[in-house]
Every structure is written in C-alpha cells, then in structure tokens.
Amino acid sequence: MTQKYIRQINRKLVYDMKEDKNKYLAMGIPLGLCFGACIGIIIGIVMNGGNFIFCIPLGAGLGMLIGIVVGSVLDSNNKK
C-alpha cells in the first residue's frame, strides 16, 4: 500500500472515533471482558476446586455485563 492511502485510512479512523457516540460502551465491553476473566482466574485459584474451567467464562461474562452497564451509563451521561 502507498503512504497516501494509509494516511487516508488513518484520517478516516480518527474522524470516526471522534464522532463515535458510544465510545465508553465500546471501551467498557472489552475491558470488562478482560478484567472479568482475570478475576475469574483469581477466584478459580482461590477456590482450588475442580470447577476452575467454569470460573473463567463466568467471570468474563459477568465482567462484560458490568462493562456494558457502566459504558451505557457513562454514554447516557455524556449525551445530556
């Protein structure tokens, strides 16, 4: 690809990010997913049981749910 084409794509991406009305929701989902999975791993280690395989998806799911709620609340506060 040429440098000019890459610059055009970068400008478009930056412009789209500035115009994004749900930027906190878009950040909350992956952050909640990652933090929830980490918390699930820690809980699985502390529990020290055979259900370690279920701690990671449950933690990730709950983290994603919390990320959606927090992101939606922050975005709704910014629209006012």
C-alpha atoms as a PDB file:
ATOM      1  CA  MET A   1       0.000   0.000   0.000  1.00  0.00           C
ATOM      2  CA  THR A   2       1.115   3.505  -0.611  1.00  0.00           C
ATOM      3  CA  GLN A   3       1.732   6.016   2.148  1.00  0.00           C
ATOM      4  CA  LYS A   4      -1.016   8.302   0.839  1.00  0.00           C
ATOM      5  CA  TYR A   5      -3.615   5.535   1.035  1.00  0.00           C
ATOM      6  CA  ILE A   6      -2.543   4.618   4.571  1.00  0.00           C
ATOM      7  CA  ARG A   7      -2.808   8.276   5.675  1.00  0.00           C
ATOM      8  CA  GLN A   8      -6.333   8.490   4.245  1.00  0.00           C
ATOM      9  CA  ILE A   9      -7.380   5.387   6.149  1.00  0.00           C
ATOM     10  CA  ASN A  10      -5.856   6.714   9.383  1.00  0.00           C
ATOM     11  CA  ARG A  11      -7.644  10.068   8.998  1.00  0.00           C
ATOM     12  CA  LYS A  12     -10.946   8.303   8.438  1.00  0.00           C
ATOM     13  CA  LEU A  13     -10.445   6.104  11.511  1.00  0.00           C
ATOM     14  CA  VAL A  14      -9.539   9.079  13.704  1.00  0.00           C
ATOM     15  CA  TYR A  15     -12.555  11.035  12.431  1.00  0.00           C
ATOM     16  CA  ASP A  16     -14.854   8.067  13.066  1.00  0.00           C
ATOM     17  CA  MET A  17     -13.517   7.716  16.602  1.00  0.00           C
ATOM     18  CA  LYS A  18     -14.167  11.403  17.320  1.00  0.00           C
ATOM     19  CA  GLU A  19     -17.733  11.122  16.057  1.00  0.00           C
ATOM     20  CA  ASP A  20     -18.454   7.910  17.995  1.00  0.00           C
ATOM     21  CA  LYS A  21     -21.352   8.459  20.359  1.00  0.00           C
ATOM     22  CA  ASN A  22     -20.868   5.171  22.227  1.00  0.00           C
ATOM     23  CA  LYS A  23     -17.159   5.353  22.917  1.00  0.00           C
ATOM     24  CA  TYR A  24     -17.452   4.397  26.601  1.00  0.00           C
ATOM     25  CA  LEU A  25     -19.610   1.413  25.734  1.00  0.00           C
ATOM     26  CA  ALA A  26     -17.092   0.357  23.101  1.00  0.00           C
ATOM     27  CA  MET A  27     -14.330   0.566  25.723  1.00  0.00           C
ATOM     28  CA  GLY A  28     -16.363  -0.973  28.543  1.00  0.00           C
ATOM     29  CA  ILE A  29     -17.164  -4.257  26.822  1.00  0.00           C
ATOM     30  CA  PRO A  30     -13.600  -5.449  26.103  1.00  0.00           C
ATOM     31  CA  LEU A  31     -12.211  -4.045  29.370  1.00  0.00           C
ATOM     32  CA  GLY A  32     -14.952  -5.746  31.367  1.00  0.00           C
ATOM     33  CA  LEU A  33     -14.316  -8.972  29.487  1.00  0.00           C
ATOM     34  CA  CYS A  34     -10.575  -8.892  30.245  1.00  0.00           C
ATOM     35  CA  PHE A  35     -10.908  -7.838  33.882  1.00  0.00           C
ATOM     36  CA  GLY A  36     -13.688 -10.361  34.459  1.00  0.00           C
ATOM     37  CA  ALA A  37     -11.580 -13.177  33.042  1.00  0.00           C
ATOM     38  CA  CYS A  38      -8.678 -12.146  35.304  1.00  0.00           C
ATOM     39  CA  ILE A  39     -10.956 -12.076  38.330  1.00  0.00           C
ATOM     40  CA  GLY A  40     -12.339 -15.472  37.309  1.00  0.00           C
ATOM     41  CA  ILE A  41      -8.812 -16.886  37.186  1.00  0.00           C
ATOM     42  CA  ILE A  42      -8.046 -15.487  40.647  1.00  0.00           C
ATOM     43  CA  ILE A  43     -11.285 -16.890  42.068  1.00  0.00           C
ATOM     44  CA  GLY A  44     -10.545 -20.251  40.454  1.00  0.00           C
ATOM     45  CA  ILE A  45      -7.107 -20.343  42.060  1.00  0.00           C
ATOM     46  CA  VAL A  46      -8.503 -19.380  45.474  1.00  0.00           C
ATOM     47  CA  MET A  47     -11.325 -21.929  45.291  1.00  0.00           C
ATOM     48  CA  ASN A  48      -8.797 -24.613  44.343  1.00  0.00           C
ATOM     49  CA  GLY A  49     -11.546 -26.910  43.174  1.00  0.00           C
ATOM     50  CA  GLY A  50     -12.329 -28.885  40.067  1.00  0.00           C
ATOM     51  CA  ASN A  51     -14.589 -26.153  38.700  1.00  0.00           C
ATOM     52  CA  PHE A  52     -11.702 -23.949  37.570  1.00  0.00           C
ATOM     53  CA  ILE A  53     -12.791 -24.377  33.943  1.00  0.00           C
ATOM     54  CA  PHE A  54     -16.102 -22.644  34.720  1.00  0.00           C
ATOM     55  CA  CYS A  55     -14.612 -19.700  36.632  1.00  0.00           C
ATOM     56  CA  ILE A  56     -13.038 -18.050  33.586  1.00  0.00           C
ATOM     57  CA  PRO A  57     -16.178 -17.895  31.375  1.00  0.00           C
ATOM     58  CA  LEU A  58     -18.396 -16.901  34.286  1.00  0.00           C
ATOM     59  CA  GLY A  59     -16.007 -14.137  35.313  1.00  0.00           C
ATOM     60  CA  ALA A  60     -15.686 -12.942  31.719  1.00  0.00           C
ATOM     61  CA  GLY A  61     -19.457 -12.939  31.259  1.00  0.00           C
ATOM     62  CA  LEU A  62     -20.081 -11.009  34.458  1.00  0.00           C
ATOM     63  CA  GLY A  63     -17.272  -8.589  33.639  1.00  0.00           C
ATOM     64  CA  MET A  64     -18.712  -7.977  30.192  1.00  0.00           C
ATOM     65  CA  LEU A  65     -22.161  -7.392  31.690  1.00  0.00           C
ATOM     66  CA  ILE A  66     -20.712  -4.881  34.150  1.00  0.00           C
ATOM     67  CA  GLY A  67     -18.784  -3.230  31.292  1.00  0.00           C
ATOM     68  CA  ILE A  68     -21.983  -2.868  29.260  1.00  0.00           C
ATOM     69  CA  VAL A  69     -23.868  -1.320  32.176  1.00  0.00           C
ATOM     70  CA  VAL A  70     -21.069   1.086  33.119  1.00  0.00           C
ATOM     71  CA  GLY A  71     -20.431   2.066  29.486  1.00  0.00           C
ATOM     72  CA  SER A  72     -24.126   2.693  28.866  1.00  0.00           C
ATOM     73  CA  VAL A  73     -24.444   4.842  31.979  1.00  0.00           C
ATOM     74  CA  LEU A  74     -21.370   6.899  31.073  1.00  0.00           C
ATOM     75  CA  ASP A  75     -22.564   7.357  27.488  1.00  0.00           C
ATOM     76  CA  SER A  76     -26.038   8.409  28.597  1.00  0.00           C
ATOM     77  CA  ASN A  77     -24.500  10.997  30.945  1.00  0.00           C
ATOM     78  CA  ASN A  78     -22.430  12.432  28.077  1.00  0.00           C
ATOM     79  CA  LYS A  79     -25.443  12.837  25.777  1.00  0.00           C
ATOM     80  CA  LYS A  80     -27.189  15.181  28.206  1.00  0.00           C
END
